[in-house]
Amino acid sequence: QARDGRLHILNHLTDTISEPREDVKDYAPKMVTTRIANEYIGALIGPGGKVIQELQKETDTTIVINEDPVTEEGIVEILGTGTEGINAVLAKIDSITFKPKVGESYKVKVIKMLDFGAVVEYLDAPGNEVLLHVSELAWERTENVSDVVNMGDEFEVKYFGIDSRTRKEKVSRKALLPKPEGFKERAPRNNDRSRDNRGRDNRNRDRKRD
């Protein structure tokens, strides 16, 4: 009798709605779960819980983080009624866990102008910024950064990872531009004669000998 009752109810359910709705009403309670690598848990929580507390206040959500005992990943549960608030939390998580891949291109926006380049922000990960050096703006020699880009400009750059010389992240705008016809790159400066094997400058000593 109970089995017949369950089947009867199920038949009426499928007659009323054949499959679950993709989403619920805007102000219905919701819970969204996502996972992050263990290394990002601290960044999401922040010193003394500052980041997560401010994020909950700004988005009117409740955020719960647990650690998976097997994978050690962070299981992030976002509870709230407003879709906009939950999406804002997800966007913040994407920004915190964003890690550009070598060889990939990303759209950026100029947020600061410097004498030696422009600071750009990844549009897909607000808050993540990197220096675009003046030498990587264009193939032609650039005297002033403002000759090529200005505040608020948006364009794509190619990510090259950590530069072996500067030990900082390197991105390039010119790498995505066609090389001008007949363009010749300047040969690297040869400092072999000017410095000895201890890295000392020998040029003044050479002049004295002359």
N, C-alpha and C. Protein backbone atom coordinates (compact mmCIF):
# COMPACT_ATOMS: atom_id res chain seq x y z
N GLN A 1 0.83 -1.21 0.00
CA GLN A 1 0.00 0.00 0.00
C GLN A 1 0.87 1.26 0.00
N ALA A 2 1.94 1.25 0.80
CA ALA A 2 2.84 2.39 0.83
C ALA A 2 3.55 2.56 -0.52
N ARG A 3 3.93 1.43 -1.12
CA ARG A 3 4.60 1.48 -2.42
C ARG A 3 3.68 2.08 -3.46
N ASP A 4 2.44 1.66 -3.48
CA ASP A 4 1.47 2.21 -4.43
C ASP A 4 1.29 3.70 -4.22
N GLY A 5 1.32 4.12 -2.96
CA GLY A 5 1.16 5.54 -2.65
C GLY A 5 2.35 6.36 -3.17
N ARG A 6 3.57 5.82 -2.99
CA ARG A 6 4.75 6.54 -3.46
C ARG A 6 4.74 6.68 -4.98
N LEU A 7 4.41 5.59 -5.66
CA LEU A 7 4.37 5.63 -7.12
C LEU A 7 3.30 6.60 -7.62
N HIS A 8 2.19 6.63 -6.93
CA HIS A 8 1.12 7.54 -7.30
C HIS A 8 1.60 9.00 -7.21
N ILE A 9 2.29 9.32 -6.10
CA ILE A 9 2.80 10.69 -5.91
C ILE A 9 3.85 11.02 -6.96
N LEU A 10 4.76 10.07 -7.23
CA LEU A 10 5.82 10.30 -8.22
C LEU A 10 5.24 10.56 -9.61
N ASN A 11 4.19 9.82 -9.95
CA ASN A 11 3.56 10.03 -11.26
C ASN A 11 2.98 11.43 -11.36
N HIS A 12 2.39 11.90 -10.28
CA HIS A 12 1.82 13.24 -10.31
C HIS A 12 2.92 14.30 -10.35
N LEU A 13 4.08 14.01 -9.69
CA LEU A 13 5.20 14.95 -9.73
C LEU A 13 5.71 15.14 -11.15
N THR A 14 5.93 14.03 -11.86
CA THR A 14 6.46 14.13 -13.23
C THR A 14 5.44 14.73 -14.19
N ASP A 15 4.16 14.57 -13.89
CA ASP A 15 3.14 15.22 -14.72
C ASP A 15 3.18 16.73 -14.54
N THR A 16 3.47 17.16 -13.31
CA THR A 16 3.49 18.59 -12.99
C THR A 16 4.76 19.28 -13.49
N ILE A 17 5.92 18.63 -13.25
CA ILE A 17 7.20 19.17 -13.70
C ILE A 17 8.09 18.00 -14.09
N SER A 18 8.47 17.92 -15.34
CA SER A 18 9.18 16.75 -15.86
C SER A 18 10.63 16.65 -15.36
N GLU A 19 11.24 17.79 -15.07
CA GLU A 19 12.63 17.78 -14.59
C GLU A 19 12.85 18.98 -13.68
N PRO A 20 13.87 18.93 -12.81
CA PRO A 20 14.10 20.04 -11.88
C PRO A 20 14.41 21.33 -12.63
N ARG A 21 14.00 22.45 -12.07
CA ARG A 21 14.34 23.75 -12.66
C ARG A 21 15.83 24.01 -12.50
N GLU A 22 16.40 24.70 -13.47
CA GLU A 22 17.83 25.00 -13.40
C GLU A 22 18.16 25.93 -12.25
N ASP A 23 17.22 26.78 -11.87
CA ASP A 23 17.46 27.71 -10.77
C ASP A 23 16.15 27.96 -10.04
N VAL A 24 16.26 28.55 -8.87
CA VAL A 24 15.07 28.89 -8.09
C VAL A 24 14.86 30.40 -8.16
N LYS A 25 13.81 30.89 -7.53
CA LYS A 25 13.53 32.31 -7.56
C LYS A 25 14.66 33.10 -6.90
N ASP A 26 14.78 34.35 -7.30
CA ASP A 26 15.89 35.18 -6.86
C ASP A 26 16.07 35.21 -5.34
N TYR A 27 14.98 35.28 -4.61
CA TYR A 27 15.10 35.45 -3.16
C TYR A 27 14.84 34.17 -2.38
N ALA A 28 14.86 33.04 -3.06
CA ALA A 28 14.74 31.76 -2.37
C ALA A 28 16.10 31.38 -1.79
N PRO A 29 16.14 30.76 -0.61
CA PRO A 29 17.43 30.36 -0.02
C PRO A 29 18.18 29.41 -0.95
N LYS A 30 19.48 29.62 -1.04
CA LYS A 30 20.30 28.80 -1.94
C LYS A 30 21.61 28.43 -1.24
N MET A 31 22.19 27.33 -1.70
CA MET A 31 23.53 26.96 -1.24
C MET A 31 24.32 26.47 -2.44
N VAL A 32 25.47 27.10 -2.66
CA VAL A 32 26.35 26.72 -3.76
C VAL A 32 27.66 26.23 -3.17
N THR A 33 28.15 25.11 -3.70
CA THR A 33 29.39 24.53 -3.20
C THR A 33 30.45 24.54 -4.29
N THR A 34 31.66 24.92 -3.92
CA THR A 34 32.78 24.88 -4.84
C THR A 34 34.02 24.42 -4.09
N ARG A 35 35.05 24.03 -4.82
CA ARG A 35 36.29 23.54 -4.20
C ARG A 35 37.46 24.41 -4.62
N ILE A 36 38.39 24.60 -3.70
CA ILE A 36 39.61 25.34 -4.00
C ILE A 36 40.82 24.56 -3.49
N ALA A 37 41.97 24.78 -4.11
CA ALA A 37 43.19 24.11 -3.66
C ALA A 37 43.52 24.55 -2.24
N ASN A 38 44.13 23.67 -1.49
CA ASN A 38 44.45 23.92 -0.09
C ASN A 38 45.27 25.21 0.08
N GLU A 39 46.15 25.51 -0.87
CA GLU A 39 47.04 26.67 -0.76
C GLU A 39 46.29 28.00 -0.78
N TYR A 40 45.01 27.99 -1.23
CA TYR A 40 44.26 29.24 -1.32
C TYR A 40 43.30 29.45 -0.15
N ILE A 41 43.19 28.47 0.73
CA ILE A 41 42.25 28.60 1.85
C ILE A 41 42.61 29.80 2.71
N GLY A 42 43.90 29.94 3.04
CA GLY A 42 44.34 31.06 3.87
C GLY A 42 44.05 32.41 3.24
N ALA A 43 44.24 32.51 1.93
CA ALA A 43 44.00 33.78 1.23
C ALA A 43 42.52 34.15 1.26
N LEU A 44 41.64 33.14 1.18
CA LEU A 44 40.20 33.41 1.20
C LEU A 44 39.75 33.82 2.61
N ILE A 45 40.35 33.21 3.62
CA ILE A 45 39.99 33.56 5.00
C ILE A 45 40.58 34.92 5.37
N GLY A 46 41.85 35.14 5.01
CA GLY A 46 42.51 36.40 5.32
C GLY A 46 43.04 36.42 6.73
N PRO A 47 43.91 37.40 7.04
CA PRO A 47 44.47 37.50 8.39
C PRO A 47 43.38 37.77 9.42
N GLY A 48 43.26 36.88 10.38
CA GLY A 48 42.22 37.03 11.40
C GLY A 48 40.82 36.93 10.86
N GLY A 49 40.67 36.32 9.66
CA GLY A 49 39.34 36.16 9.07
C GLY A 49 38.81 37.42 8.41
N LYS A 50 39.71 38.40 8.18
CA LYS A 50 39.27 39.70 7.65
C LYS A 50 38.63 39.60 6.27
N VAL A 51 39.24 38.84 5.36
CA VAL A 51 38.74 38.77 3.99
C VAL A 51 37.35 38.12 3.95
N ILE A 52 37.21 36.98 4.59
CA ILE A 52 35.93 36.27 4.52
C ILE A 52 34.83 37.02 5.25
N GLN A 53 35.16 37.70 6.34
CA GLN A 53 34.16 38.46 7.08
C GLN A 53 33.65 39.64 6.27
N GLU A 54 34.57 40.36 5.63
CA GLU A 54 34.16 41.50 4.80
C GLU A 54 33.37 41.04 3.59
N LEU A 55 33.76 39.88 3.02
CA LEU A 55 33.06 39.35 1.86
C LEU A 55 31.63 38.96 2.23
N GLN A 56 31.46 38.35 3.39
CA GLN A 56 30.11 37.97 3.84
C GLN A 56 29.24 39.20 4.05
N LYS A 57 29.84 40.25 4.62
CA LYS A 57 29.10 41.48 4.89
C LYS A 57 28.69 42.18 3.60
N GLU A 58 29.62 42.23 2.64
CA GLU A 58 29.35 42.93 1.37
C GLU A 58 28.32 42.20 0.52
N THR A 59 28.30 40.87 0.58
CA THR A 59 27.43 40.08 -0.30
C THR A 59 26.19 39.53 0.39
N ASP A 60 26.08 39.79 1.70
CA ASP A 60 24.94 39.28 2.48
C ASP A 60 24.82 37.76 2.34
N THR A 61 25.94 37.07 2.50
CA THR A 61 25.97 35.61 2.42
C THR A 61 26.66 35.05 3.66
N THR A 62 26.56 33.74 3.81
CA THR A 62 27.31 33.02 4.83
C THR A 62 28.24 32.06 4.11
N ILE A 63 29.52 32.11 4.46
CA ILE A 63 30.52 31.28 3.78
C ILE A 63 31.14 30.33 4.80
N VAL A 64 31.07 29.05 4.50
CA VAL A 64 31.62 28.01 5.37
C VAL A 64 32.70 27.26 4.61
N ILE A 65 33.87 27.12 5.23
CA ILE A 65 34.99 26.42 4.58
C ILE A 65 35.37 25.20 5.41
N ASN A 66 35.37 24.05 4.79
CA ASN A 66 35.81 22.81 5.42
C ASN A 66 36.91 22.19 4.56
N GLU A 67 37.76 21.41 5.18
CA GLU A 67 38.85 20.76 4.45
C GLU A 67 38.51 19.31 4.18
N ASP A 68 38.63 18.90 2.92
CA ASP A 68 38.40 17.51 2.55
C ASP A 68 39.51 16.66 3.17
N PRO A 69 39.16 15.68 4.01
CA PRO A 69 40.20 14.89 4.68
C PRO A 69 41.01 14.01 3.74
N VAL A 70 40.49 13.76 2.56
CA VAL A 70 41.19 12.90 1.60
C VAL A 70 42.07 13.72 0.66
N THR A 71 41.47 14.68 -0.03
CA THR A 71 42.21 15.48 -1.02
C THR A 71 42.86 16.72 -0.41
N GLU A 72 42.44 17.09 0.82
CA GLU A 72 42.92 18.29 1.50
C GLU A 72 42.50 19.57 0.78
N GLU A 73 41.56 19.47 -0.14
CA GLU A 73 41.02 20.65 -0.81
C GLU A 73 40.10 21.39 0.15
N GLY A 74 39.89 22.66 -0.14
CA GLY A 74 38.93 23.44 0.64
C GLY A 74 37.56 23.32 0.02
N ILE A 75 36.58 22.90 0.81
CA ILE A 75 35.19 22.80 0.35
C ILE A 75 34.49 24.07 0.82
N VAL A 76 34.12 24.93 -0.11
CA VAL A 76 33.52 26.22 0.22
C VAL A 76 32.01 26.17 -0.03
N GLU A 77 31.24 26.39 1.02
CA GLU A 77 29.78 26.43 0.91
C GLU A 77 29.33 27.88 1.05
N ILE A 78 28.57 28.34 0.07
CA ILE A 78 28.08 29.72 0.06
C ILE A 78 26.57 29.69 0.22
N LEU A 79 26.08 30.27 1.29
CA LEU A 79 24.64 30.26 1.57
C LEU A 79 24.11 31.68 1.52
N GLY A 80 22.98 31.85 0.82
CA GLY A 80 22.38 33.17 0.72
C GLY A 80 21.07 33.12 -0.02
N THR A 81 20.42 34.26 -0.09
CA THR A 81 19.15 34.33 -0.83
C THR A 81 19.30 35.06 -2.15
N GLY A 82 20.26 35.96 -2.23
CA GLY A 82 20.44 36.74 -3.45
C GLY A 82 21.44 36.11 -4.41
N THR A 83 21.01 35.88 -5.64
CA THR A 83 21.90 35.31 -6.66
C THR A 83 23.10 36.21 -6.91
N GLU A 84 22.86 37.51 -6.89
CA GLU A 84 23.93 38.47 -7.15
C GLU A 84 25.04 38.36 -6.11
N GLY A 85 24.66 38.21 -4.84
CA GLY A 85 25.64 38.09 -3.78
C GLY A 85 26.46 36.81 -3.90
N ILE A 86 25.79 35.71 -4.19
CA ILE A 86 26.48 34.43 -4.34
C ILE A 86 27.45 34.49 -5.52
N ASN A 87 27.02 35.08 -6.63
CA ASN A 87 27.89 35.21 -7.79
C ASN A 87 29.11 36.09 -7.50
N ALA A 88 28.91 37.10 -6.63
CA ALA A 88 30.02 37.97 -6.25
C ALA A 88 31.06 37.20 -5.45
N VAL A 89 30.60 36.30 -4.59
CA VAL A 89 31.52 35.46 -3.81
C VAL A 89 32.29 34.53 -4.74
N LEU A 90 31.58 33.93 -5.70
CA LEU A 90 32.24 33.04 -6.65
C LEU A 90 33.29 33.79 -7.48
N ALA A 91 32.96 35.03 -7.85
CA ALA A 91 33.90 35.84 -8.63
C ALA A 91 35.14 36.16 -7.80
N LYS A 92 34.94 36.42 -6.51
CA LYS A 92 36.08 36.70 -5.62
C LYS A 92 36.96 35.47 -5.47
N ILE A 93 36.34 34.30 -5.36
CA ILE A 93 37.10 33.05 -5.26
C ILE A 93 37.90 32.83 -6.54
N ASP A 94 37.27 33.07 -7.69
CA ASP A 94 37.98 32.93 -8.97
C ASP A 94 39.17 33.87 -9.03
N SER A 95 39.01 35.08 -8.49
CA SER A 95 40.09 36.06 -8.50
C SER A 95 41.25 35.61 -7.61
N ILE A 96 40.92 35.07 -6.43
CA ILE A 96 41.95 34.63 -5.49
C ILE A 96 42.72 33.44 -6.04
N THR A 97 42.01 32.53 -6.70
CA THR A 97 42.65 31.30 -7.18
C THR A 97 43.18 31.40 -8.61
N PHE A 98 43.06 32.60 -9.20
CA PHE A 98 43.49 32.79 -10.59
C PHE A 98 44.99 32.60 -10.72
N LYS A 99 45.40 31.81 -11.70
CA LYS A 99 46.81 31.57 -11.95
C LYS A 99 47.01 31.50 -13.46
N PRO A 100 47.59 32.53 -14.07
CA PRO A 100 47.76 32.53 -15.53
C PRO A 100 48.69 31.41 -15.98
N LYS A 101 48.44 30.93 -17.19
CA LYS A 101 49.24 29.83 -17.74
C LYS A 101 50.20 30.36 -18.80
N VAL A 102 51.41 29.84 -18.77
CA VAL A 102 52.45 30.26 -19.71
C VAL A 102 51.99 29.99 -21.15
N GLY A 103 52.12 30.99 -22.00
CA GLY A 103 51.75 30.84 -23.40
C GLY A 103 50.33 31.26 -23.71
N GLU A 104 49.50 31.46 -22.66
CA GLU A 104 48.11 31.86 -22.87
C GLU A 104 48.00 33.39 -22.98
N SER A 105 46.92 33.84 -23.63
CA SER A 105 46.67 35.27 -23.77
C SER A 105 45.51 35.67 -22.86
N TYR A 106 45.60 36.86 -22.28
CA TYR A 106 44.58 37.34 -21.36
C TYR A 106 44.26 38.80 -21.64
N LYS A 107 43.00 39.15 -21.47
CA LYS A 107 42.59 40.54 -21.65
C LYS A 107 42.86 41.29 -20.35
N VAL A 108 43.47 42.47 -20.48
CA VAL A 108 43.84 43.27 -19.32
C VAL A 108 43.39 44.71 -19.49
N LYS A 109 43.46 45.43 -18.37
CA LYS A 109 43.08 46.85 -18.37
C LYS A 109 44.18 47.64 -17.66
N VAL A 110 44.57 48.78 -18.21
CA VAL A 110 45.59 49.62 -17.61
C VAL A 110 45.01 50.33 -16.39
N ILE A 111 45.65 50.12 -15.22
CA ILE A 111 45.15 50.75 -14.00
C ILE A 111 46.17 51.72 -13.40
N LYS A 112 47.39 51.71 -13.92
CA LYS A 112 48.40 52.64 -13.41
C LYS A 112 49.47 52.86 -14.49
N MET A 113 49.87 54.12 -14.63
CA MET A 113 50.92 54.47 -15.59
C MET A 113 52.21 54.78 -14.86
N LEU A 114 53.31 54.18 -15.32
CA LEU A 114 54.62 54.41 -14.74
C LEU A 114 55.59 54.83 -15.84
N ASP A 115 56.75 55.35 -15.45
CA ASP A 115 57.75 55.77 -16.43
C ASP A 115 58.29 54.57 -17.20
N PHE A 116 58.36 53.42 -16.55
CA PHE A 116 58.98 52.24 -17.16
C PHE A 116 57.97 51.17 -17.58
N GLY A 117 56.70 51.53 -17.62
CA GLY A 117 55.69 50.56 -18.06
C GLY A 117 54.31 50.91 -17.54
N ALA A 118 53.40 49.96 -17.65
CA ALA A 118 52.04 50.16 -17.18
C ALA A 118 51.61 48.97 -16.33
N VAL A 119 50.94 49.26 -15.23
CA VAL A 119 50.39 48.18 -14.40
C VAL A 119 49.02 47.84 -14.98
N VAL A 120 48.83 46.56 -15.29
CA VAL A 120 47.57 46.13 -15.89
C VAL A 120 46.90 45.11 -14.98
N GLU A 121 45.58 45.07 -15.05
CA GLU A 121 44.78 44.15 -14.24
C GLU A 121 44.07 43.16 -15.16
N TYR A 122 44.10 41.89 -14.79
CA TYR A 122 43.40 40.87 -15.57
C TYR A 122 41.89 41.09 -15.44
N LEU A 123 41.20 41.22 -16.56
CA LEU A 123 39.76 41.47 -16.51
C LEU A 123 38.99 40.28 -15.96
N ASP A 124 39.51 39.07 -16.17
CA ASP A 124 38.83 37.88 -15.65
C ASP A 124 39.12 37.64 -14.18
N ALA A 125 40.05 38.40 -13.62
CA ALA A 125 40.42 38.21 -12.22
C ALA A 125 40.75 39.56 -11.59
N PRO A 126 39.72 40.37 -11.31
CA PRO A 126 39.95 41.69 -10.71
C PRO A 126 40.79 41.59 -9.43
N GLY A 127 41.73 42.51 -9.30
CA GLY A 127 42.62 42.47 -8.14
C GLY A 127 43.96 41.84 -8.44
N ASN A 128 44.03 41.08 -9.54
CA ASN A 128 45.28 40.47 -9.96
C ASN A 128 45.94 41.38 -11.00
N GLU A 129 47.09 41.92 -10.66
CA GLU A 129 47.75 42.87 -11.55
C GLU A 129 49.18 42.44 -11.83
N VAL A 130 49.73 42.96 -12.91
CA VAL A 130 51.09 42.63 -13.32
C VAL A 130 51.66 43.82 -14.09
N LEU A 131 52.98 43.95 -14.05
CA LEU A 131 53.63 45.05 -14.76
C LEU A 131 53.87 44.66 -16.22
N LEU A 132 53.42 45.54 -17.11
CA LEU A 132 53.71 45.42 -18.53
C LEU A 132 54.84 46.40 -18.81
N HIS A 133 56.06 45.88 -18.99
CA HIS A 133 57.24 46.73 -19.15
C HIS A 133 57.17 47.50 -20.47
N VAL A 134 57.76 48.68 -20.46
CA VAL A 134 57.73 49.54 -21.64
C VAL A 134 58.31 48.84 -22.87
N SER A 135 59.29 47.96 -22.66
CA SER A 135 59.91 47.26 -23.79
C SER A 135 58.99 46.22 -24.41
N GLU A 136 57.89 45.90 -23.73
CA GLU A 136 56.96 44.89 -24.24
C GLU A 136 55.67 45.50 -24.76
N LEU A 137 55.65 46.82 -24.89
CA LEU A 137 54.45 47.49 -25.40
C LEU A 137 54.32 47.36 -26.91
N ALA A 138 55.39 47.60 -27.63
CA ALA A 138 55.36 47.58 -29.09
C ALA A 138 56.72 47.16 -29.62
N TRP A 139 56.75 46.76 -30.89
CA TRP A 139 58.02 46.36 -31.50
C TRP A 139 58.95 47.55 -31.66
N GLU A 140 58.36 48.70 -31.98
CA GLU A 140 59.17 49.91 -32.14
C GLU A 140 59.62 50.41 -30.77
N ARG A 141 60.72 51.11 -30.75
CA ARG A 141 61.22 51.67 -29.49
C ARG A 141 60.21 52.67 -28.93
N THR A 142 59.86 52.52 -27.68
CA THR A 142 58.86 53.37 -27.04
C THR A 142 59.53 54.31 -26.05
N GLU A 143 59.46 55.60 -26.30
CA GLU A 143 60.06 56.59 -25.41
C GLU A 143 59.16 56.87 -24.21
N ASN A 144 57.87 57.02 -24.49
CA ASN A 144 56.89 57.31 -23.44
C ASN A 144 55.79 56.26 -23.46
N VAL A 145 55.45 55.75 -22.30
CA VAL A 145 54.40 54.73 -22.20
C VAL A 145 53.09 55.24 -22.79
N SER A 146 52.79 56.53 -22.54
CA SER A 146 51.54 57.12 -23.02
C SER A 146 51.47 57.23 -24.54
N ASP A 147 52.60 57.01 -25.23
CA ASP A 147 52.58 57.01 -26.70
C ASP A 147 51.86 55.77 -27.23
N VAL A 148 51.76 54.74 -26.39
CA VAL A 148 51.17 53.47 -26.84
C VAL A 148 49.87 53.15 -26.10
N VAL A 149 49.86 53.32 -24.78
CA VAL A 149 48.66 53.00 -24.00
C VAL A 149 48.36 54.12 -23.02
N ASN A 150 47.12 54.13 -22.53
CA ASN A 150 46.69 55.13 -21.56
C ASN A 150 45.81 54.48 -20.51
N MET A 151 45.54 55.22 -19.43
CA MET A 151 44.70 54.71 -18.35
C MET A 151 43.35 54.24 -18.90
N GLY A 152 42.95 53.03 -18.47
CA GLY A 152 41.64 52.51 -18.85
C GLY A 152 41.64 51.71 -20.14
N ASP A 153 42.75 51.76 -20.89
CA ASP A 153 42.82 50.99 -22.14
C ASP A 153 42.72 49.49 -21.85
N GLU A 154 42.03 48.78 -22.74
CA GLU A 154 41.89 47.33 -22.61
C GLU A 154 42.47 46.66 -23.85
N PHE A 155 43.22 45.61 -23.65
CA PHE A 155 43.84 44.89 -24.76
C PHE A 155 44.32 43.54 -24.24
N GLU A 156 44.87 42.73 -25.13
CA GLU A 156 45.33 41.40 -24.74
C GLU A 156 46.85 41.38 -24.59
N VAL A 157 47.30 40.55 -23.66
CA VAL A 157 48.74 40.34 -23.48
C VAL A 157 49.00 38.84 -23.43
N LYS A 158 50.22 38.47 -23.71
CA LYS A 158 50.63 37.07 -23.63
C LYS A 158 51.45 36.88 -22.37
N TYR A 159 51.17 35.78 -21.66
CA TYR A 159 51.85 35.52 -20.39
C TYR A 159 53.05 34.60 -20.62
N PHE A 160 54.21 35.02 -20.10
CA PHE A 160 55.44 34.25 -20.29
C PHE A 160 55.97 33.61 -19.00
N GLY A 161 55.25 33.76 -17.90
CA GLY A 161 55.70 33.17 -16.65
C GLY A 161 56.72 34.06 -15.95
N ILE A 162 57.60 33.46 -15.16
CA ILE A 162 58.60 34.21 -14.42
C ILE A 162 59.82 34.46 -15.30
N ASP A 163 60.18 35.74 -15.44
CA ASP A 163 61.35 36.13 -16.23
C ASP A 163 62.61 35.71 -15.48
N SER A 164 63.51 35.00 -16.17
CA SER A 164 64.73 34.49 -15.53
C SER A 164 65.66 35.61 -15.10
N ARG A 165 65.55 36.78 -15.74
CA ARG A 165 66.44 37.90 -15.42
C ARG A 165 65.92 38.72 -14.26
N THR A 166 64.64 39.07 -14.31
CA THR A 166 64.08 39.94 -13.27
C THR A 166 63.44 39.18 -12.12
N ARG A 167 63.17 37.88 -12.34
CA ARG A 167 62.50 37.04 -11.33
C ARG A 167 61.08 37.52 -11.05
N LYS A 168 60.50 38.23 -12.00
CA LYS A 168 59.12 38.70 -11.87
C LYS A 168 58.30 38.19 -13.05
N GLU A 169 56.98 38.23 -12.88
CA GLU A 169 56.11 37.77 -13.95
C GLU A 169 56.25 38.68 -15.18
N LYS A 170 56.23 38.05 -16.35
CA LYS A 170 56.40 38.81 -17.57
C LYS A 170 55.19 38.63 -18.49
N VAL A 171 54.67 39.74 -18.97
CA VAL A 171 53.61 39.73 -19.98
C VAL A 171 54.04 40.63 -21.12
N SER A 172 53.49 40.39 -22.29
CA SER A 172 53.89 41.18 -23.45
C SER A 172 52.69 41.51 -24.32
N ARG A 173 52.60 42.76 -24.72
CA ARG A 173 51.59 43.18 -25.68
C ARG A 173 52.10 42.99 -27.09
N LYS A 174 53.38 43.31 -27.30
CA LYS A 174 53.94 43.26 -28.64
C LYS A 174 54.00 41.83 -29.18
N ALA A 175 54.06 40.82 -28.29
CA ALA A 175 54.13 39.43 -28.73
C ALA A 175 52.88 39.02 -29.50
N LEU A 176 51.79 39.74 -29.31
CA LEU A 176 50.55 39.44 -30.02
C LEU A 176 50.34 40.33 -31.24
N LEU A 177 51.32 41.20 -31.51
CA LEU A 177 51.23 42.10 -32.66
C LEU A 177 52.15 41.61 -33.78
N PRO A 178 51.77 41.83 -35.03
CA PRO A 178 52.66 41.43 -36.13
C PRO A 178 53.94 42.24 -36.12
N LYS A 179 55.05 41.60 -36.36
CA LYS A 179 56.34 42.29 -36.37
C LYS A 179 56.43 43.15 -37.63
N PRO A 180 56.80 44.43 -37.49
CA PRO A 180 56.89 45.32 -38.66
C PRO A 180 57.85 44.76 -39.71
N GLU A 181 57.52 44.99 -40.97
CA GLU A 181 58.36 44.49 -42.06
C GLU A 181 59.74 45.14 -42.00
N GLY A 182 60.76 44.30 -42.09
CA GLY A 182 62.13 44.79 -42.05
C GLY A 182 62.63 45.14 -40.67
N PHE A 183 61.82 44.81 -39.63
CA PHE A 183 62.23 45.15 -38.26
C PHE A 183 63.42 44.31 -37.83
N LYS A 184 64.39 44.96 -37.20
CA LYS A 184 65.57 44.26 -36.69
C LYS A 184 65.75 44.60 -35.22
N GLU A 185 65.81 43.56 -34.41
CA GLU A 185 66.00 43.78 -32.98
C GLU A 185 67.44 44.16 -32.71
N ARG A 186 67.61 45.04 -31.74
CA ARG A 186 68.96 45.46 -31.37
C ARG A 186 69.70 44.32 -30.70
N ALA A 187 70.94 44.16 -31.04
CA ALA A 187 71.74 43.10 -30.44
C ALA A 187 71.94 43.38 -28.96
N PRO A 188 71.92 42.34 -28.13
CA PRO A 188 72.13 42.55 -26.69
C PRO A 188 73.50 43.14 -26.42
N ARG A 189 73.58 43.99 -25.39
CA ARG A 189 74.83 44.64 -25.04
C ARG A 189 75.84 43.61 -24.55
N ASN A 190 77.06 43.71 -25.07
CA ASN A 190 78.11 42.78 -24.67
C ASN A 190 78.95 43.41 -23.57
N ASN A 191 78.85 42.85 -22.37
CA ASN A 191 79.56 43.42 -21.23
C ASN A 191 80.78 42.60 -20.83
N ASP A 192 81.21 41.67 -21.71
CA ASP A 192 82.31 40.78 -21.35
C ASP A 192 83.58 41.55 -21.02
N ARG A 193 83.88 42.59 -21.82
CA ARG A 193 85.13 43.32 -21.63
C ARG A 193 85.03 44.33 -20.51
N SER A 194 83.82 44.77 -20.20
CA SER A 194 83.68 45.84 -19.23
C SER A 194 83.68 45.34 -17.79
N ARG A 195 83.48 43.98 -17.60
CA ARG A 195 83.46 43.45 -16.24
C ARG A 195 84.35 42.23 -16.14
N ASP A 196 85.05 42.09 -15.00
CA ASP A 196 85.89 40.92 -14.82
C ASP A 196 85.08 39.78 -14.26
N ASN A 197 85.72 38.66 -13.95
CA ASN A 197 84.98 37.49 -13.51
C ASN A 197 84.39 37.65 -12.12
N ARG A 198 84.70 38.75 -11.44
CA ARG A 198 84.10 39.03 -10.14
C ARG A 198 82.97 40.04 -10.24
N GLY A 199 82.65 40.44 -11.48
CA GLY A 199 81.56 41.38 -11.69
C GLY A 199 81.95 42.84 -11.49
N ARG A 200 83.27 43.12 -11.32
CA ARG A 200 83.69 44.49 -11.12
C ARG A 200 83.82 45.22 -12.45
N ASP A 201 83.54 46.50 -12.43
CA ASP A 201 83.61 47.31 -13.64
C ASP A 201 85.07 47.63 -13.94
N ASN A 202 85.56 47.22 -15.14
CA ASN A 202 86.96 47.42 -15.52
C ASN A 202 87.18 48.62 -16.43
N ARG A 203 86.08 49.30 -16.80
CA ARG A 203 86.23 50.34 -17.80
C ARG A 203 87.09 51.49 -17.31
N ASN A 204 86.89 51.92 -16.07
CA ASN A 204 87.72 53.00 -15.55
C ASN A 204 89.18 52.60 -15.46
N ARG A 205 89.43 51.34 -15.08
CA ARG A 205 90.79 50.86 -14.97
C ARG A 205 91.46 50.84 -16.32
N ASP A 206 90.67 50.46 -17.36
CA ASP A 206 91.23 50.43 -18.72
C ASP A 206 91.61 51.85 -19.18
N ARG A 207 90.77 52.84 -18.81
CA ARG A 207 91.06 54.21 -19.22
C ARG A 207 92.35 54.72 -18.57
N LYS A 208 92.55 54.33 -17.29
CA LYS A 208 93.76 54.76 -16.59
C LYS A 208 95.00 54.18 -17.25
N ARG A 209 94.87 52.93 -17.69
CA ARG A 209 96.01 52.29 -18.36
C ARG A 209 96.33 53.00 -19.66
N ASP A 210 95.27 53.42 -20.40
CA ASP A 210 95.48 54.13 -21.65
C ASP A 210 96.22 55.45 -21.40
